[in-house]
Amino acid sequence: MELLIMVYACKTSCAKSIIGVIPYFPYSKQCKMRKRGSIVSKLLASMMCKAGLTHLITMDLHQKEIQGFFNIPVDNLRASPFLLQYIQEEILDYRNAVIVAKSPASAKRAQSFAERLRLGIAVIHGEAQDAESDLVDGRHSPPMVRSVAAIHPSLEIPMLIPKEKPPITVVGDVGGRIAIIVDDIIDDVDSFLAAAETLKERGAYKIFVMATHGLLSSDAPRLIEESAIDEVVVTNTIPHEVQKLQCPKIKTVDISMILSEAIRRIHNGESMSYLFRNIGLDD
């Protein structure tokens, strides 16, 4: 709301252009229609455009298609070059590592990292890995009412069979290797802890977690400190100094350089293509 009020104030003061720099786009996980719910990302985009925003700079949207919710230019910058640099410079013997996707949904991101580092890939699949379920993005708060509306007796509507996930399996070899779990957002860490335990059981001797946005809400720092995870590496798109004091395993990668360069280029009317070099469709 503060952002919208400031944008509207600039608009009513006849500002020529109003550029929003939002490194972490809020509600970005709520970008798909589930059952008959709302697409909150679309609502937020409409509010920003209506308030008067003329350009948006953000980083690693949860789904790239969110850019289509805006009717203004959106620059979705990538943090992966900084995270790749951290792997190469800070993780000793990274050549013995394997990039891990904690669920099939994040396999594309893991593949992108693996191809750039010339490393293998592993995917965790099974019962405990359901990061995109309806229960994790806040839509069921307060809890659902359990009563189901009655259907007319004469109607026989076929019901969709619920999905049943197999037991946890790891597709790929992690035995005697360094496991690097990659994702875009670390908020509720339960799925990461379960993935780390599974990888330890399969023989991984070191486990790193890397993500762009480190929300690390609630008891996340304490849970990470007590877990099998050796290090959590996030960027500073969201301030997390308090969490770092609670958990020494949390490390920060500074991405202010790419944001400042984007602001400079837009202000001077220069091309933004340089900041998107070597980025493919799947990145």
Protein backbone atom coordinates (compact mmCIF):
# COMPACT_ATOMS: atom_id res chain seq x y z
CA MET A 1 0.00 0.00 0.00
CA GLU A 2 2.85 2.41 0.78
CA LEU A 3 4.32 1.75 -2.68
CA LEU A 4 0.95 2.32 -4.39
CA ILE A 5 0.42 5.58 -2.47
CA MET A 6 3.91 6.86 -3.42
CA VAL A 7 3.40 5.87 -7.07
CA TYR A 8 0.02 7.64 -7.15
CA ALA A 9 1.55 10.72 -5.52
CA CYS A 10 4.20 10.84 -8.26
CA LYS A 11 1.51 10.38 -10.93
CA THR A 12 -0.63 13.23 -9.60
CA SER A 13 2.51 15.39 -9.47
CA CYS A 14 2.93 14.86 -13.25
CA ALA A 15 6.07 12.69 -13.09
CA LYS A 16 7.29 11.81 -16.58
CA SER A 17 8.04 8.17 -15.70
CA ILE A 18 7.60 6.12 -12.52
CA ILE A 19 9.85 3.06 -12.28
CA GLY A 20 9.28 0.51 -9.52
CA VAL A 21 12.24 -1.56 -8.30
CA ILE A 22 10.79 -4.59 -6.51
CA PRO A 23 13.49 -7.28 -6.23
CA TYR A 24 11.06 -9.75 -4.63
CA PHE A 25 7.59 -9.52 -6.17
CA PRO A 26 5.15 -10.33 -3.33
CA TYR A 27 2.41 -12.96 -3.75
CA SER A 28 4.28 -14.34 -6.76
CA LYS A 29 3.46 -17.93 -5.71
CA GLN A 30 -0.23 -17.15 -6.14
CA CYS A 31 0.02 -16.85 -9.91
CA LYS A 32 -2.20 -19.76 -11.00
CA MET A 33 -5.90 -20.47 -10.75
CA ARG A 34 -6.45 -23.23 -8.19
CA LYS A 35 -9.98 -24.57 -7.87
CA ARG A 36 -12.02 -21.33 -7.80
CA GLY A 37 -9.46 -19.16 -6.02
CA SER A 38 -8.06 -15.79 -7.00
CA ILE A 39 -4.87 -15.07 -8.93
CA VAL A 40 -3.38 -12.57 -6.49
CA SER A 41 -0.36 -11.75 -8.70
CA LYS A 42 -2.74 -10.47 -11.38
CA LEU A 43 -4.57 -8.31 -8.83
CA LEU A 44 -1.30 -6.84 -7.59
CA ALA A 45 -0.12 -6.14 -11.15
CA SER A 46 -3.41 -4.38 -11.98
CA MET A 47 -3.17 -2.24 -8.83
CA MET A 48 0.40 -1.17 -9.66
CA CYS A 49 -0.49 -0.27 -13.25
CA LYS A 50 -3.62 1.59 -12.15
CA ALA A 51 -1.65 3.56 -9.54
CA GLY A 52 0.60 4.89 -12.32
CA LEU A 53 3.70 2.67 -12.55
CA THR A 54 5.32 2.97 -16.01
CA HIS A 55 8.12 0.39 -15.68
CA LEU A 56 8.96 -2.46 -13.30
CA ILE A 57 12.34 -3.97 -12.40
CA THR A 58 12.14 -7.24 -10.49
CA MET A 59 14.18 -10.40 -10.03
CA ASP A 60 13.48 -14.11 -10.53
CA LEU A 61 9.69 -14.14 -10.66
CA HIS A 62 8.21 -17.42 -9.42
CA GLN A 63 6.73 -17.90 -12.90
CA LYS A 64 7.94 -15.86 -15.87
CA GLU A 65 4.37 -15.64 -17.15
CA ILE A 66 3.60 -13.11 -14.37
CA GLN A 67 5.14 -10.51 -16.72
CA GLY A 68 2.03 -10.93 -18.89
CA PHE A 69 -0.18 -9.65 -16.05
CA PHE A 70 1.27 -6.15 -16.53
CA ASN A 71 0.52 -3.76 -19.39
CA ILE A 72 3.82 -1.93 -18.78
CA PRO A 73 7.42 -3.04 -19.52
CA VAL A 74 8.77 -5.55 -16.96
CA ASP A 75 12.46 -6.43 -16.62
CA ASN A 76 12.77 -9.78 -14.84
CA LEU A 77 16.47 -9.87 -13.92
CA ARG A 78 18.26 -13.11 -12.97
CA ALA A 79 20.28 -13.84 -9.83
CA SER A 80 21.68 -17.13 -11.15
CA PRO A 81 25.03 -15.60 -12.39
CA PHE A 82 25.80 -14.50 -8.82
CA LEU A 83 24.83 -17.88 -7.35
CA LEU A 84 26.89 -19.73 -9.99
CA GLN A 85 29.87 -17.51 -9.18
CA TYR A 86 29.44 -18.34 -5.48
CA ILE A 87 29.45 -22.07 -6.23
CA GLN A 88 32.64 -21.81 -8.30
CA GLU A 89 34.51 -19.59 -5.83
CA GLU A 90 33.26 -20.68 -2.39
CA ILE A 91 32.45 -24.40 -2.66
CA LEU A 92 35.67 -26.38 -2.65
CA ASP A 93 35.65 -29.40 -4.95
CA TYR A 94 32.41 -28.24 -6.60
CA ARG A 95 33.30 -30.47 -9.56
CA ASN A 96 32.24 -33.37 -7.31
CA ALA A 97 28.80 -31.80 -6.79
CA VAL A 98 25.39 -32.68 -8.16
CA ILE A 99 22.58 -30.14 -8.64
CA VAL A 100 19.37 -31.30 -6.95
CA ALA A 101 15.75 -30.33 -7.61
CA LYS A 102 13.71 -30.93 -4.45
CA SER A 103 10.62 -31.58 -6.57
CA PRO A 104 9.93 -32.18 -10.28
CA ALA A 105 8.52 -28.62 -10.45
CA SER A 106 11.98 -27.11 -9.90
CA ALA A 107 13.77 -29.47 -12.30
CA LYS A 108 14.11 -26.81 -15.02
CA ARG A 109 16.00 -24.45 -12.71
CA ALA A 110 18.26 -27.32 -11.58
CA GLN A 111 18.91 -28.29 -15.21
CA SER A 112 19.89 -24.68 -16.03
CA PHE A 113 22.44 -24.65 -13.16
CA ALA A 114 23.77 -28.11 -14.04
CA GLU A 115 24.32 -27.28 -17.73
CA ARG A 116 26.21 -24.08 -16.91
CA LEU A 117 28.44 -25.77 -14.33
CA ARG A 118 28.81 -28.99 -16.41
CA LEU A 119 27.53 -31.06 -13.48
CA GLY A 120 25.04 -33.90 -13.05
CA ILE A 121 21.44 -33.48 -11.91
CA ALA A 122 19.23 -35.33 -9.43
CA VAL A 123 15.49 -34.97 -8.79
CA ILE A 124 13.64 -35.87 -5.60
CA HIS A 125 10.17 -37.25 -6.24
CA GLY A 126 7.65 -38.62 -3.79
CA GLU A 127 5.14 -38.20 -0.98
CA ALA A 128 6.74 -35.47 1.12
CA GLN A 129 7.59 -33.19 -1.81
CA ASP A 130 4.51 -31.11 -2.56
CA ALA A 131 5.74 -27.52 -2.41
CA GLU A 132 3.06 -26.24 -4.80
CA SER A 133 0.08 -27.62 -2.84
CA ASP A 134 -2.85 -25.44 -1.85
CA LEU A 135 -1.77 -25.55 1.80
CA VAL A 136 1.59 -23.75 1.47
CA ASP A 137 0.68 -20.40 -0.06
CA GLY A 138 -1.77 -19.09 2.54
CA ARG A 139 -5.06 -19.70 0.73
CA HIS A 140 -6.42 -21.97 3.46
CA SER A 141 -6.13 -19.45 6.29
CA PRO A 142 -8.54 -19.58 8.09
CA PRO A 143 -9.02 -23.35 7.60
CA MET A 144 -11.58 -24.61 5.14
CA VAL A 145 -15.11 -25.49 6.27
CA ARG A 146 -15.41 -29.26 5.96
CA SER A 147 -19.09 -29.37 5.00
CA VAL A 148 -19.74 -30.14 1.34
CA ALA A 149 -22.78 -28.74 -0.46
CA ALA A 150 -25.36 -31.37 -1.35
CA ILE A 151 -25.66 -32.40 -5.00
CA HIS A 152 -29.06 -33.07 -6.51
CA PRO A 153 -29.78 -36.82 -6.34
CA SER A 154 -30.49 -37.08 -10.06
CA LEU A 155 -27.04 -35.72 -10.99
CA GLU A 156 -24.11 -38.08 -11.25
CA ILE A 157 -21.06 -35.84 -11.75
CA PRO A 158 -17.85 -37.85 -12.21
CA MET A 159 -15.19 -36.82 -9.68
CA LEU A 160 -11.51 -36.44 -10.52
CA ILE A 161 -9.46 -39.17 -8.86
CA PRO A 162 -7.06 -37.62 -6.31
CA LYS A 163 -3.35 -37.90 -7.00
CA GLU A 164 -1.36 -40.39 -4.96
CA LYS A 165 2.37 -39.81 -4.80
CA PRO A 166 4.83 -42.72 -4.58
CA PRO A 167 7.32 -43.06 -1.70
CA ILE A 168 10.26 -40.64 -1.78
CA THR A 169 12.81 -41.56 -4.44
CA VAL A 170 15.92 -39.80 -5.72
CA VAL A 171 16.36 -39.93 -9.49
CA GLY A 172 20.13 -39.60 -9.97
CA ASP A 173 23.26 -40.58 -8.05
CA VAL A 174 24.21 -38.48 -5.00
CA GLY A 175 26.36 -41.01 -3.12
CA GLY A 176 29.70 -39.51 -2.02
CA ARG A 177 28.85 -36.19 -3.70
CA ILE A 178 28.14 -32.61 -2.66
CA ALA A 179 24.40 -31.96 -3.10
CA ILE A 180 23.35 -28.44 -4.12
CA ILE A 181 19.58 -27.91 -3.86
CA VAL A 182 18.41 -24.97 -6.01
CA ASP A 183 15.10 -23.12 -5.89
CA ASP A 184 13.77 -19.58 -6.27
CA ILE A 185 12.18 -18.98 -2.83
CA ILE A 186 13.01 -20.30 0.65
CA ASP A 187 10.14 -19.54 2.99
CA ASP A 188 8.76 -22.57 4.80
CA VAL A 189 11.84 -24.80 5.11
CA ASP A 190 10.09 -28.13 5.85
CA SER A 191 10.41 -29.38 2.27
CA PHE A 192 14.11 -28.44 2.20
CA LEU A 193 14.75 -30.26 5.49
CA ALA A 194 12.99 -33.38 4.19
CA ALA A 195 15.05 -33.20 0.99
CA ALA A 196 18.28 -32.82 2.99
CA GLU A 197 17.44 -35.87 5.15
CA THR A 198 16.70 -37.92 2.03
CA LEU A 199 20.00 -36.87 0.41
CA LYS A 200 21.96 -37.72 3.58
CA GLU A 201 20.40 -41.19 3.59
CA ARG A 202 21.42 -41.62 -0.06
CA GLY A 203 25.07 -40.82 0.76
CA ALA A 204 25.53 -37.08 0.07
CA TYR A 205 28.30 -35.85 2.39
CA LYS A 206 27.61 -32.10 2.12
CA ILE A 207 24.33 -30.31 1.42
CA PHE A 208 23.97 -26.72 0.20
CA VAL A 209 20.69 -24.91 -0.44
CA MET A 210 20.71 -22.00 -2.90
CA ALA A 211 17.84 -19.65 -3.68
CA THR A 212 17.22 -16.11 -4.85
CA HIS A 213 14.68 -14.98 -2.26
CA GLY A 214 15.30 -15.85 1.38
CA LEU A 215 12.06 -15.11 3.24
CA LEU A 216 13.06 -17.53 6.04
CA SER A 217 9.91 -16.82 8.04
CA SER A 218 8.85 -18.14 11.44
CA ASP A 219 11.25 -20.74 12.93
CA ALA A 220 13.21 -21.23 9.70
CA PRO A 221 16.64 -20.13 11.10
CA ARG A 222 16.38 -22.49 14.10
CA LEU A 223 15.22 -25.42 11.95
CA ILE A 224 18.08 -24.86 9.49
CA GLU A 225 20.62 -24.68 12.33
CA GLU A 226 19.41 -28.03 13.70
CA SER A 227 19.15 -29.74 10.29
CA ALA A 228 21.49 -31.74 8.07
CA ILE A 229 21.92 -28.71 5.76
CA ASP A 230 25.51 -27.37 5.80
CA GLU A 231 24.85 -23.96 4.24
CA VAL A 232 21.94 -21.88 2.93
CA VAL A 233 22.92 -19.29 0.32
CA VAL A 234 20.42 -16.56 -0.57
CA THR A 235 20.64 -13.14 -2.18
CA ASN A 236 19.80 -9.83 -0.52
CA THR A 237 16.55 -9.23 -2.45
CA ILE A 238 14.93 -9.40 1.02
CA PRO A 239 16.65 -8.14 4.21
CA HIS A 240 17.46 -11.09 6.50
CA GLU A 241 20.06 -9.76 8.95
CA VAL A 242 18.06 -10.96 11.96
CA GLN A 243 17.85 -14.50 10.57
CA LYS A 244 21.62 -14.52 9.96
CA LEU A 245 22.24 -13.68 13.62
CA GLN A 246 20.05 -16.65 14.61
CA CYS A 247 21.69 -19.08 12.16
CA PRO A 248 25.36 -18.84 11.05
CA LYS A 249 24.64 -21.30 8.22
CA ILE A 250 22.83 -18.57 6.25
CA LYS A 251 25.12 -16.79 3.76
CA THR A 252 24.28 -13.77 1.59
CA VAL A 253 25.18 -13.01 -2.02
CA ASP A 254 24.96 -9.33 -2.97
CA ILE A 255 22.99 -8.62 -6.17
CA SER A 256 22.78 -4.82 -5.83
CA MET A 257 25.22 -4.46 -8.76
CA ILE A 258 22.76 -5.74 -11.39
CA LEU A 259 19.87 -3.68 -9.98
CA SER A 260 21.92 -0.47 -9.99
CA GLU A 261 23.08 -1.16 -13.56
CA ALA A 262 19.47 -1.73 -14.64
CA ILE A 263 18.41 1.57 -13.05
CA ARG A 264 21.33 3.40 -14.70
CA ARG A 265 20.55 1.96 -18.15
CA ILE A 266 16.83 2.78 -17.94
CA HIS A 267 17.56 6.31 -16.68
CA ASN A 268 20.01 6.97 -19.53
CA GLY A 269 17.81 5.32 -22.16
CA GLU A 270 20.37 2.57 -22.89
CA SER A 271 19.66 -0.97 -24.03
CA MET A 272 18.78 -3.57 -21.38
CA SER A 273 19.73 -6.51 -23.62
CA TYR A 274 23.23 -6.73 -22.12
CA LEU A 275 21.74 -7.78 -18.75
CA PHE A 276 19.85 -10.66 -20.43
CA ARG A 277 22.69 -12.16 -22.46
CA ASN A 278 22.92 -15.97 -22.53
CA ILE A 279 19.48 -16.34 -20.93
CA GLY A 280 17.44 -19.05 -22.64
CA LEU A 281 13.72 -19.76 -22.71
CA ASP A 282 13.97 -22.23 -19.81
CA ASP A 283 15.95 -19.89 -17.50
